[in-house]
Amino acid sequence: MDCGSVRGIADEADCGICGFVNPELKPIGGALKCFPEDFVVEELPLSEDEGEDECSFWRFRLKKRGLDTLEAVDALATFLRVPAQKFGFAGIKDSFAITTQDLTVPKSAVTEAALRKAQQELPYLQLSHFRSAKKPLAPGQLRGNRFILRVRGIRGSPTEVQESMESLRSRGFVNYVGMQRFGKAGLRSDVLGLAYLQGNYERCVDLLLRQGGDEAQNLGRLPRWAEVFRRTGSAEAALRKMPEGSCWAERRLLLALKRRQELDGGTAPQALWEEAQAAPQTWAETAREAFLKLPRTIRALYVHAYIDRLWNLAATERLSRYGQELAEGDLVQDDQPKGFRLAEAREALDMCKLLLPRPGSGVRLPANSVGSFMQSYLAYDGLDVEDLSLEVPGGTQQLSGCMRPVLVRPQNLRWHLEPDLGDPEKEWDEPAKVRRATSNFSRARAKTTQGSKHLVLDFHLGPGQYATMAMREVMRARASAAPRHIVFESDSEARSFERRVDSRCVTLPYMLVITSK
């Protein structure tokens, strides 16, 4: 399975991922994402606008390997000398994969000839299907994604594989938000999202730059650039030690801090330096200014990670308490304008219509213990479920909520077994960091599967649904422990009990005591 993005930071239980749709299913095992070629994602776009109105955007197809969407956009923006926020996209695709999706950019910012030149100069990106568009793409504007996956070294027999695929097709999987949402390269995204929601910008900067706290201590050796910043406090010195093309958000934060340090140190232009001296800043003000200069998209991702961890925990709580039958107070999919309603007593509905909210404006909580749990979780962190807002440059922004199905079924599922065909052939060049990852981790992992059967799957999922969670349903061993529930405590006795139960909990921003049912 793929948990590499948060290895050493969190595991599935930390992120609320515990339940299965079919607890009796025998797992088939295997390894996912041994190579980027084993995880192919094709975005399914919405129908494009047509008409005679003037089209002011370029729309094109981006195919990438070894970079996530933000990193690819950053590479394009740097080459074209265009602000990264000018690019529009519907979703952020995995880095350790081969993915295809559409991007938009204003015609006023770049020419088609410049885009075609970028295709030639950035060999690890492929740009194609250039055309005009009336509107920019925005997050969520897609029908879903097609996944073509290869699971290497499965342990199950052909009969067991058949049973697993039929279970996945008919019963589906728990629609957890995948592990890649909760961290990357030593950063726990949901912890940072909580600090942002609380307006604690000093902690936001410390987390992004791996400075101090239990989170940094538990990660072992820091990246060289983070060690330099901790020792010197110089953003410029840290930037010199940061590898090119890495740490997308951290680099921007350090650049913002570098500009402030130039102002404070007198190395900025005289006029700017005099203005800074007239209105000196505290560290808290500097941290706030630097963090809010990060692009809105990346700041929103951190907040969504916090909300998604809550959603995962609530989904596990819902299935553990009430099982796979509708309970009083559940929210279900409906044709009403809001798209959801309270379930009626003893109502018989497809469980794939069961919904849980991602808290924010426009949604309500379930009218049962799951809703109470979500409210308690937010209140423990000092947040109001009725007023989840973020500071943004120039004001505040209300966090929008949405409804998410608890169980989903993959569509158009096809699969077959194939013999071990060895290492895949690369289609094009790859960034150095991907070569290192493939050499140090994936090849060693793939060697353990040599001579065994591989499973190839092809299926569609809706927006925001994770193929890694679909594969977890059939690959992962079932836990033998009793169902777990979360109890919120605040006294010292409970905190001591927490440390005895699980030392990892000490690194979390709030204290959760896990108890058996």
Protein backbone atom coordinates (compact mmCIF):
# COMPACT_ATOMS: atom_id res chain seq x y z
CA MET A 1 0.00 0.00 0.00
CA ASP A 2 1.02 3.61 -0.47
CA CYS A 3 1.67 5.62 2.65
CA GLY A 4 5.02 6.99 1.59
CA SER A 5 3.95 10.62 1.62
CA VAL A 6 3.53 10.61 5.41
CA ARG A 7 5.91 7.83 6.39
CA GLY A 8 7.31 8.56 9.84
CA ILE A 9 4.73 11.31 10.48
CA ALA A 10 1.43 9.48 10.83
CA ASP A 11 -0.22 6.15 10.15
CA GLU A 12 -3.76 5.32 9.08
CA ALA A 13 -5.11 5.15 12.64
CA ASP A 14 -3.69 8.63 13.35
CA CYS A 15 -5.69 9.93 10.40
CA GLY A 16 -8.93 8.20 11.38
CA ILE A 17 -8.72 5.38 8.82
CA CYS A 18 -9.80 2.20 10.60
CA GLY A 19 -12.98 0.66 9.14
CA PHE A 20 -13.76 -1.71 6.26
CA VAL A 21 -16.97 -2.31 4.33
CA ASN A 22 -16.39 -6.07 4.25
CA PRO A 23 -14.60 -7.06 7.49
CA GLU A 24 -14.69 -10.76 6.56
CA LEU A 25 -12.90 -10.36 3.23
CA LYS A 26 -9.52 -12.07 3.02
CA PRO A 27 -6.94 -9.45 1.93
CA ILE A 28 -4.95 -10.13 -1.23
CA GLY A 29 -1.88 -8.17 -0.08
CA GLY A 30 0.56 -6.80 -2.62
CA ALA A 31 2.39 -3.51 -3.15
CA LEU A 32 0.95 -0.41 -4.78
CA LYS A 33 3.03 2.38 -6.34
CA CYS A 34 6.29 0.49 -6.68
CA PHE A 35 6.87 2.75 -9.69
CA PRO A 36 5.02 5.84 -10.92
CA GLU A 37 3.91 3.77 -13.92
CA ASP A 38 1.92 1.54 -11.56
CA PHE A 39 -0.46 4.41 -10.71
CA VAL A 40 -1.99 6.13 -13.75
CA VAL A 41 -4.63 8.84 -13.27
CA GLU A 42 -6.67 10.42 -16.08
CA GLU A 43 -8.90 13.32 -15.13
CA LEU A 44 -12.49 13.15 -16.43
CA PRO A 45 -13.35 16.77 -17.27
CA LEU A 46 -16.74 18.39 -17.32
CA SER A 47 -18.06 19.36 -20.74
CA GLU A 48 -16.39 22.55 -21.92
CA ASP A 49 -18.31 25.77 -22.55
CA GLU A 50 -19.08 26.46 -26.17
CA GLY A 51 -20.29 29.67 -27.77
CA GLU A 52 -19.31 32.67 -29.83
CA ASP A 53 -18.16 34.82 -26.92
CA GLU A 54 -14.52 35.83 -26.85
CA CYS A 55 -12.34 33.17 -25.23
CA SER A 56 -9.70 34.77 -23.02
CA PHE A 57 -7.97 31.65 -21.67
CA TRP A 58 -5.72 28.93 -22.98
CA ARG A 59 -6.73 25.43 -21.96
CA PHE A 60 -4.29 22.57 -22.37
CA ARG A 61 -3.57 19.07 -21.16
CA LEU A 62 -0.76 18.42 -18.69
CA LYS A 63 0.79 14.99 -18.34
CA LYS A 64 3.35 14.61 -15.59
CA ARG A 65 5.45 12.06 -13.74
CA GLY A 66 6.97 12.45 -10.30
CA LEU A 67 5.49 15.86 -9.42
CA ASP A 68 2.23 16.82 -7.82
CA THR A 69 0.07 19.42 -9.57
CA LEU A 70 1.33 22.34 -7.47
CA GLU A 71 4.96 21.45 -8.19
CA ALA A 72 4.24 21.10 -11.91
CA VAL A 73 2.42 24.45 -12.01
CA ASP A 74 5.32 26.03 -10.16
CA ALA A 75 7.80 24.68 -12.72
CA LEU A 76 5.65 26.05 -15.57
CA ALA A 77 5.16 29.40 -13.86
CA THR A 78 8.89 29.78 -13.20
CA PHE A 79 9.83 28.94 -16.77
CA LEU A 80 7.15 31.22 -18.26
CA ARG A 81 7.70 33.99 -15.67
CA VAL A 82 4.01 34.00 -14.87
CA PRO A 83 2.57 34.05 -11.31
CA ALA A 84 1.57 30.52 -10.32
CA GLN A 85 -1.89 31.71 -9.24
CA LYS A 86 -2.69 32.53 -12.88
CA PHE A 87 -3.00 28.80 -13.63
CA GLY A 88 -6.33 27.10 -13.00
CA PHE A 89 -6.90 23.38 -12.39
CA ALA A 90 -9.72 21.17 -11.15
CA GLY A 91 -7.79 18.93 -8.76
CA ILE A 92 -4.37 18.17 -7.33
CA LYS A 93 -2.99 14.90 -8.64
CA ASP A 94 -0.51 12.53 -6.97
CA SER A 95 3.22 13.04 -7.32
CA PHE A 96 4.41 9.41 -7.39
CA ALA A 97 2.23 8.60 -10.40
CA ILE A 98 1.63 9.36 -14.06
CA THR A 99 -1.28 11.77 -14.23
CA THR A 100 -3.15 13.68 -16.93
CA GLN A 101 -5.33 16.72 -16.32
CA ASP A 102 -6.39 20.03 -17.88
CA LEU A 103 -4.97 23.43 -16.94
CA THR A 104 -5.99 26.96 -17.90
CA VAL A 105 -4.02 30.21 -18.04
CA PRO A 106 -5.06 33.70 -19.28
CA LYS A 107 -4.06 34.55 -22.84
CA SER A 108 -2.97 37.94 -21.54
CA ALA A 109 -0.29 36.24 -19.42
CA VAL A 110 1.26 33.81 -21.90
CA THR A 111 1.21 32.93 -25.60
CA GLU A 112 0.63 29.52 -27.12
CA ALA A 113 4.17 29.64 -28.53
CA ALA A 114 5.55 30.09 -25.00
CA LEU A 115 3.55 27.11 -23.76
CA ARG A 116 4.89 24.97 -26.60
CA LYS A 117 8.43 26.08 -25.78
CA ALA A 118 7.88 25.03 -22.15
CA GLN A 119 6.94 21.59 -23.45
CA GLN A 120 10.36 21.34 -25.11
CA GLU A 121 12.38 22.77 -22.21
CA LEU A 122 10.69 20.85 -19.33
CA PRO A 123 11.17 17.21 -20.36
CA TYR A 124 9.39 15.79 -17.29
CA LEU A 125 6.14 17.56 -18.31
CA GLN A 126 4.11 16.95 -21.45
CA LEU A 127 1.75 19.67 -22.72
CA SER A 128 -0.77 19.01 -25.49
CA HIS A 129 -4.32 19.70 -26.78
CA PHE A 130 -3.97 23.48 -26.77
CA ARG A 131 -7.30 25.27 -27.30
CA SER A 132 -9.22 28.37 -26.26
CA ALA A 133 -11.55 28.49 -23.27
CA LYS A 134 -14.07 31.02 -21.95
CA LYS A 135 -13.48 30.42 -18.23
CA PRO A 136 -10.62 29.32 -15.97
CA LEU A 137 -10.72 25.96 -14.24
CA ALA A 138 -11.40 25.94 -10.49
CA PRO A 139 -11.07 23.18 -7.85
CA GLY A 140 -13.87 20.64 -8.07
CA GLN A 141 -14.75 21.25 -11.73
CA LEU A 142 -14.38 17.66 -12.88
CA ARG A 143 -16.54 14.55 -13.26
CA GLY A 144 -13.97 12.40 -11.51
CA ASN A 145 -10.87 10.40 -12.41
CA ARG A 146 -10.05 7.18 -14.22
CA PHE A 147 -7.45 5.02 -12.48
CA ILE A 148 -5.30 2.31 -14.05
CA LEU A 149 -3.40 0.58 -11.26
CA ARG A 150 -0.93 -2.27 -10.97
CA VAL A 151 -0.70 -4.12 -7.65
CA ARG A 152 2.55 -6.10 -7.58
CA GLY A 153 3.11 -9.35 -5.73
CA ILE A 154 -0.41 -10.21 -4.65
CA ARG A 155 -0.68 -13.12 -2.20
CA GLY A 156 -4.25 -14.17 -2.90
CA SER A 157 -5.23 -17.05 -5.16
CA PRO A 158 -7.20 -16.32 -8.37
CA THR A 159 -10.38 -17.31 -6.52
CA GLU A 160 -9.63 -14.92 -3.65
CA VAL A 161 -8.84 -12.13 -6.09
CA GLN A 162 -12.16 -12.78 -7.83
CA GLU A 163 -14.01 -12.57 -4.50
CA SER A 164 -12.21 -9.35 -3.59
CA MET A 165 -13.04 -7.69 -6.91
CA GLU A 166 -16.69 -8.71 -6.70
CA SER A 167 -16.90 -7.35 -3.16
CA LEU A 168 -15.33 -4.07 -4.27
CA ARG A 169 -17.72 -3.84 -7.21
CA SER A 170 -20.91 -4.62 -5.27
CA ARG A 171 -20.23 -3.35 -1.73
CA GLY A 172 -17.66 -0.62 -2.36
CA PHE A 173 -15.27 0.84 0.22
CA VAL A 174 -15.20 3.40 3.01
CA ASN A 175 -14.71 6.75 1.33
CA TYR A 176 -11.86 7.89 3.56
CA VAL A 177 -9.69 10.81 2.56
CA GLY A 178 -6.36 9.24 1.62
CA MET A 179 -3.10 9.44 3.51
CA GLN A 180 -1.49 11.70 0.90
CA ARG A 181 -3.75 14.52 2.12
CA PHE A 182 -2.19 14.54 5.60
CA GLY A 183 1.47 15.17 4.97
CA LYS A 184 4.48 15.22 2.74
CA ALA A 185 8.24 15.54 3.25
CA GLY A 186 8.08 15.81 7.03
CA LEU A 187 5.07 18.13 7.33
CA ARG A 188 1.81 17.11 9.03
CA SER A 189 -0.76 19.09 7.00
CA ASP A 190 -3.73 18.72 9.34
CA VAL A 191 -1.74 20.04 12.33
CA LEU A 192 -0.76 23.08 10.27
CA GLY A 193 -4.38 23.53 9.18
CA LEU A 194 -5.50 23.68 12.81
CA ALA A 195 -2.89 26.34 13.60
CA TYR A 196 -4.14 28.40 10.65
CA LEU A 197 -7.77 28.08 11.77
CA GLN A 198 -6.72 29.22 15.25
CA GLY A 199 -4.80 32.18 13.83
CA ASN A 200 -1.55 30.95 15.39
CA TYR A 201 0.83 32.08 12.65
CA GLU A 202 4.00 31.62 14.67
CA ARG A 203 3.14 27.94 14.96
CA CYS A 204 2.28 27.82 11.24
CA VAL A 205 5.76 29.09 10.37
CA ASP A 206 7.45 26.79 12.90
CA LEU A 207 5.64 23.77 11.46
CA LEU A 208 6.42 24.63 7.85
CA LEU A 209 10.09 25.26 8.61
CA ARG A 210 10.39 22.24 10.97
CA GLN A 211 11.38 24.46 13.88
CA GLY A 212 10.89 23.20 17.43
CA GLY A 213 8.03 21.30 19.03
CA ASP A 214 7.33 17.58 19.36
CA GLU A 215 6.63 17.30 15.63
CA ALA A 216 10.21 18.20 14.69
CA GLN A 217 11.73 16.03 17.44
CA ASN A 218 9.84 12.94 16.30
CA LEU A 219 11.00 13.21 12.70
CA GLY A 220 14.65 12.49 13.44
CA ARG A 221 17.20 14.30 11.29
CA LEU A 222 15.93 17.52 9.75
CA PRO A 223 16.52 18.51 6.12
CA ARG A 224 19.75 20.43 5.69
CA TRP A 225 17.93 23.69 4.91
CA ALA A 226 15.83 23.40 8.10
CA GLU A 227 18.96 22.75 10.19
CA VAL A 228 20.58 25.86 8.72
CA PHE A 229 17.53 28.00 9.47
CA ARG A 230 17.35 26.69 13.04
CA ARG A 231 21.02 27.43 13.63
CA THR A 232 21.30 30.80 11.86
CA GLY A 233 17.77 32.19 11.62
CA SER A 234 18.69 33.33 8.09
CA ALA A 235 16.11 32.65 5.40
CA GLU A 236 18.67 33.42 2.71
CA ALA A 237 21.10 30.82 4.08
CA ALA A 238 18.32 28.22 4.31
CA LEU A 239 17.27 28.90 0.70
CA ARG A 240 20.82 28.26 -0.49
CA LYS A 241 20.67 24.76 1.06
CA MET A 242 17.21 23.91 -0.30
CA PRO A 243 17.32 21.61 -3.37
CA GLU A 244 15.79 23.07 -6.53
CA GLY A 245 12.25 21.98 -7.28
CA SER A 246 11.50 20.81 -3.73
CA CYS A 247 9.46 22.08 -0.77
CA TRP A 248 7.02 24.18 -2.76
CA ALA A 249 5.37 26.01 0.18
CA GLU A 250 8.45 26.15 2.38
CA ARG A 251 10.44 27.90 -0.34
CA ARG A 252 7.79 30.62 -0.68
CA LEU A 253 7.63 31.13 3.04
CA LEU A 254 11.41 31.51 3.25
CA LEU A 255 11.34 33.99 0.36
CA ALA A 256 8.78 36.09 2.23
CA LEU A 257 10.89 35.94 5.40
CA LYS A 258 14.00 36.83 3.39
CA ARG A 259 12.34 40.01 2.11
CA ARG A 260 11.40 41.00 5.67
CA GLN A 261 14.92 40.24 6.93
CA GLU A 262 16.36 42.43 4.17
CA LEU A 263 14.09 45.26 5.31
CA ASP A 264 14.97 44.82 8.96
CA GLY A 265 18.67 44.40 8.24
CA GLY A 266 19.00 47.41 5.99
CA THR A 267 19.99 45.50 2.84
CA ALA A 268 16.76 46.39 1.03
CA PRO A 269 16.50 49.54 -1.14
CA GLN A 270 16.81 52.68 0.99
CA ALA A 271 13.21 53.84 0.59
CA LEU A 272 11.80 50.47 1.62
CA TRP A 273 14.24 50.18 4.51
CA GLU A 274 13.27 53.58 5.90
CA GLU A 275 9.59 52.63 5.68
CA ALA A 276 10.26 49.38 7.58
CA GLN A 277 12.21 51.21 10.27
CA ALA A 278 9.30 53.59 10.75
CA ALA A 279 6.93 50.68 11.47
CA PRO A 280 8.96 47.76 12.95
CA GLN A 281 7.26 44.36 13.26
CA THR A 282 7.18 41.78 16.01
CA TRP A 283 7.92 38.15 15.14
CA ALA A 284 4.20 37.35 15.40
CA GLU A 285 3.44 40.07 12.83
CA THR A 286 6.24 38.89 10.57
CA ALA A 287 5.03 35.28 10.75
CA ARG A 288 1.45 36.34 9.93
CA GLU A 289 2.59 38.47 6.98
CA ALA A 290 4.80 35.70 5.56
CA PHE A 291 2.24 32.91 5.95
CA LEU A 292 -0.59 34.90 4.36
CA LYS A 293 1.63 35.51 1.34
CA LEU A 294 1.42 31.82 0.48
CA PRO A 295 -1.01 31.18 -2.40
CA ARG A 296 -4.63 30.77 -1.35
CA THR A 297 -4.72 27.26 -2.84
CA ILE A 298 -1.94 25.90 -0.64
CA ARG A 299 -3.28 27.58 2.51
CA ALA A 300 -6.71 26.07 1.83
CA LEU A 301 -5.15 22.60 1.48
CA TYR A 302 -3.86 22.72 5.05
CA VAL A 303 -7.27 23.67 6.42
CA HIS A 304 -8.97 20.97 4.36
CA ALA A 305 -6.52 18.41 5.77
CA TYR A 306 -7.68 19.28 9.29
CA ILE A 307 -11.36 19.03 8.25
CA ASP A 308 -10.68 15.77 6.38
CA ARG A 309 -9.09 14.16 9.43
CA LEU A 310 -12.22 15.04 11.38
CA TRP A 311 -14.33 13.55 8.58
CA ASN A 312 -12.31 10.31 8.65
CA LEU A 313 -12.66 10.00 12.41
CA ALA A 314 -16.40 10.69 12.17
CA ALA A 315 -16.83 8.05 9.43
CA THR A 316 -15.07 5.46 11.60
CA GLU A 317 -17.21 6.50 14.59
CA ARG A 318 -20.39 6.22 12.50
CA LEU A 319 -19.62 2.71 11.20
CA SER A 320 -18.38 1.51 14.59
CA ARG A 321 -21.47 2.68 16.48
CA TYR A 322 -24.26 1.98 14.00
CA GLY A 323 -22.83 -0.46 11.44
CA GLN A 324 -23.98 -0.53 7.84
CA GLU A 325 -27.64 0.27 8.43
CA LEU A 326 -29.29 3.67 8.54
CA ALA A 327 -29.71 5.06 12.06
CA GLU A 328 -31.91 7.79 13.45
CA GLY A 329 -30.36 11.19 12.85
CA ASP A 330 -28.30 10.14 9.80
CA LEU A 331 -28.09 12.44 6.79
CA VAL A 332 -28.85 10.91 3.40
CA GLN A 333 -28.66 12.01 -0.22
CA ASP A 334 -31.82 13.64 -1.53
CA ASP A 335 -33.12 15.56 -4.55
CA GLN A 336 -33.88 18.66 -2.50
CA PRO A 337 -32.00 21.88 -3.35
CA LYS A 338 -29.41 21.25 -0.61
CA GLY A 339 -29.04 17.64 -1.72
CA PHE A 340 -29.47 16.01 1.71
CA ARG A 341 -32.07 15.37 4.42
CA LEU A 342 -32.50 13.52 7.70
CA ALA A 343 -33.19 9.80 7.33
CA GLU A 344 -36.59 8.60 8.41
CA ALA A 345 -37.01 5.93 11.08
CA ARG A 346 -36.33 2.41 9.76
CA GLU A 347 -35.90 3.78 6.24
CA ALA A 348 -34.53 1.27 3.69
CA LEU A 349 -31.97 2.97 1.46
CA ASP A 350 -28.78 2.06 -0.35
CA MET A 351 -25.99 2.73 2.18
CA CYS A 352 -24.06 4.58 -0.53
CA LYS A 353 -26.61 7.38 0.03
CA LEU A 354 -25.38 7.86 3.61
CA LEU A 355 -23.64 11.24 3.93
CA LEU A 356 -21.37 12.92 6.44
CA PRO A 357 -20.59 16.64 6.30
CA ARG A 358 -17.24 18.30 5.94
CA PRO A 359 -18.01 21.10 8.42
CA GLY A 360 -18.47 24.63 7.10
CA SER A 361 -21.20 26.92 5.82
CA GLY A 362 -24.12 25.32 3.99
CA VAL A 363 -24.21 21.97 5.81
CA ARG A 364 -25.59 20.57 9.07
CA LEU A 365 -24.30 17.90 11.42
CA PRO A 366 -26.03 14.53 11.91
CA ALA A 367 -28.68 14.58 14.65
CA ASN A 368 -27.10 11.72 16.59
CA SER A 369 -23.92 10.92 18.53
CA VAL A 370 -21.76 11.33 15.41
CA GLY A 371 -22.85 14.95 15.10
CA SER A 372 -22.13 15.48 18.80
CA PHE A 373 -18.68 13.96 18.32
CA MET A 374 -17.86 16.33 15.43
CA GLN A 375 -19.01 19.34 17.43
CA SER A 376 -16.96 18.25 20.48
CA TYR A 377 -13.88 17.74 18.31
CA LEU A 378 -14.06 21.28 16.96
CA ALA A 379 -14.92 22.79 20.34
CA TYR A 380 -11.91 21.06 21.94
CA ASP A 381 -9.71 22.89 19.46
CA GLY A 382 -11.42 26.20 20.27
CA LEU A 383 -13.41 26.29 17.01
CA ASP A 384 -17.08 27.06 16.48
CA VAL A 385 -18.88 24.74 14.05
CA GLU A 386 -21.25 27.63 13.20
CA ASP A 387 -18.41 30.04 12.39
CA LEU A 388 -15.41 28.41 10.75
CA SER A 389 -13.56 31.32 9.16
CA LEU A 390 -10.04 32.02 7.95
CA GLU A 391 -8.04 35.19 7.77
CA VAL A 392 -7.08 36.00 4.19
CA PRO A 393 -5.27 39.04 2.81
CA GLY A 394 -7.71 41.91 3.14
CA GLY A 395 -10.26 40.27 5.43
CA THR A 396 -11.77 36.94 6.41
CA GLN A 397 -13.30 34.07 4.47
CA GLN A 398 -15.96 31.65 5.62
CA LEU A 399 -15.04 27.99 5.19
CA SER A 400 -17.50 26.29 2.86
CA GLY A 401 -18.84 22.88 3.85
CA CYS A 402 -19.99 20.00 1.69
CA MET A 403 -21.51 16.56 2.01
CA ARG A 404 -19.42 13.44 1.36
CA PRO A 405 -20.73 9.88 0.95
CA VAL A 406 -19.49 7.43 3.57
CA LEU A 407 -19.46 4.43 1.22
CA VAL A 408 -18.83 4.49 -2.53
CA ARG A 409 -18.53 1.93 -5.31
CA PRO A 410 -15.97 2.20 -8.12
CA GLN A 411 -17.59 2.51 -11.53
CA ASN A 412 -16.66 0.61 -14.72
CA LEU A 413 -14.40 -1.74 -12.75
CA ARG A 414 -12.31 -4.09 -14.87
CA TRP A 415 -9.36 -6.20 -13.80
CA HIS A 416 -7.01 -8.98 -14.86
CA LEU A 417 -3.99 -10.88 -13.56
CA GLU A 418 -0.66 -10.74 -15.34
CA PRO A 419 2.79 -12.30 -14.78
CA ASP A 420 5.73 -10.26 -13.48
CA LEU A 421 6.97 -8.18 -16.42
CA GLY A 422 9.91 -6.57 -14.61
CA ASP A 423 10.57 -2.86 -14.29
CA PRO A 424 8.40 -0.61 -16.48
CA GLU A 425 9.91 1.51 -19.22
CA LYS A 426 9.88 5.27 -18.69
CA GLU A 427 8.25 7.44 -21.34
CA TRP A 428 10.32 10.55 -20.60
CA ASP A 429 12.87 12.12 -18.27
CA GLU A 430 12.10 12.51 -14.58
CA PRO A 431 13.20 14.94 -11.86
CA ALA A 432 16.20 13.91 -9.79
CA LYS A 433 14.14 13.48 -6.64
CA VAL A 434 11.96 10.88 -8.41
CA ARG A 435 15.01 8.98 -9.59
CA ARG A 436 16.22 8.86 -5.97
CA ALA A 437 12.84 7.72 -4.68
CA THR A 438 12.60 5.01 -7.31
CA SER A 439 16.12 3.77 -6.65
CA ASN A 440 16.04 3.88 -2.85
CA PHE A 441 12.53 2.63 -2.16
CA SER A 442 10.53 1.39 -5.09
CA ARG A 443 13.07 -0.89 -6.71
CA ALA A 444 13.86 -2.60 -3.41
CA ARG A 445 10.15 -3.00 -2.80
CA ALA A 446 9.56 -4.38 -6.28
CA LYS A 447 12.28 -7.03 -5.87
CA THR A 448 10.16 -8.73 -3.22
CA THR A 449 7.41 -9.26 -5.82
CA GLN A 450 9.56 -10.83 -8.55
CA GLY A 451 8.12 -14.03 -9.96
CA SER A 452 4.65 -13.40 -8.52
CA LYS A 453 1.39 -12.36 -10.11
CA HIS A 454 0.35 -8.76 -10.54
CA LEU A 455 -3.21 -7.42 -10.51
CA VAL A 456 -4.16 -4.69 -12.99
CA LEU A 457 -7.32 -2.66 -12.35
CA ASP A 458 -9.16 -0.02 -14.37
CA PHE A 459 -12.02 1.95 -12.76
CA HIS A 460 -13.59 5.38 -12.31
CA LEU A 461 -14.11 7.34 -9.08
CA GLY A 462 -15.90 10.61 -8.40
CA PRO A 463 -14.23 13.89 -7.41
CA GLY A 464 -12.36 13.71 -4.12
CA GLN A 465 -12.48 9.91 -3.95
CA TYR A 466 -9.17 8.11 -3.41
CA ALA A 467 -8.05 5.02 -5.31
CA THR A 468 -5.61 4.21 -2.48
CA MET A 469 -8.60 3.83 -0.14
CA ALA A 470 -10.38 1.59 -2.64
CA MET A 471 -7.30 -0.64 -2.78
CA ARG A 472 -6.98 -0.62 1.00
CA GLU A 473 -10.35 -2.39 1.16
CA VAL A 474 -8.99 -5.43 -0.70
CA MET A 475 -5.27 -5.32 0.14
CA ARG A 476 -5.08 -4.54 3.87
CA ALA A 477 -5.31 -7.07 6.71
CA ARG A 478 -8.33 -6.55 8.98
CA ALA A 479 -7.60 -5.31 12.50
CA SER A 480 -8.41 -7.77 15.29
CA ALA A 481 -8.89 -5.12 18.01
CA ALA A 482 -12.29 -4.13 19.39
CA PRO A 483 -14.01 -1.06 17.92
CA ARG A 484 -12.48 2.18 19.20
CA HIS A 485 -14.11 5.43 20.20
CA ILE A 486 -12.68 8.84 21.01
CA VAL A 487 -13.32 10.43 24.39
CA PHE A 488 -12.28 14.03 25.02
CA GLU A 489 -10.58 14.64 28.36
CA SER A 490 -8.52 17.51 29.72
CA ASP A 491 -7.35 16.63 33.24
CA SER A 492 -3.83 15.47 34.10
CA GLU A 493 -4.92 11.92 34.91
CA ALA A 494 -6.37 11.52 31.42
CA ARG A 495 -3.20 12.95 29.87
CA SER A 496 -1.09 10.40 31.76
CA PHE A 497 -3.43 7.67 30.54
CA GLU A 498 -3.03 8.94 26.99
CA ARG A 499 0.74 8.62 27.14
CA ARG A 500 0.41 5.06 28.41
CA VAL A 501 -2.06 4.14 25.67
CA ASP A 502 -0.12 5.52 22.72
CA SER A 503 2.93 7.75 22.89
CA ARG A 504 2.25 9.00 19.36
CA CYS A 505 -0.77 10.92 20.62
CA VAL A 506 1.50 13.26 22.54
CA THR A 507 2.55 14.88 19.22
CA LEU A 508 -1.02 15.76 18.26
CA PRO A 509 -2.38 19.26 18.77
CA TYR A 510 -5.17 17.99 20.97
CA MET A 511 -5.50 15.15 23.38
CA LEU A 512 -7.53 12.13 22.29
CA VAL A 513 -8.10 9.16 24.59
CA ILE A 514 -8.95 5.99 22.68
CA THR A 515 -11.14 3.49 24.52
CA SER A 516 -12.82 0.22 23.63
CA LYS A 517 -16.56 0.10 23.15
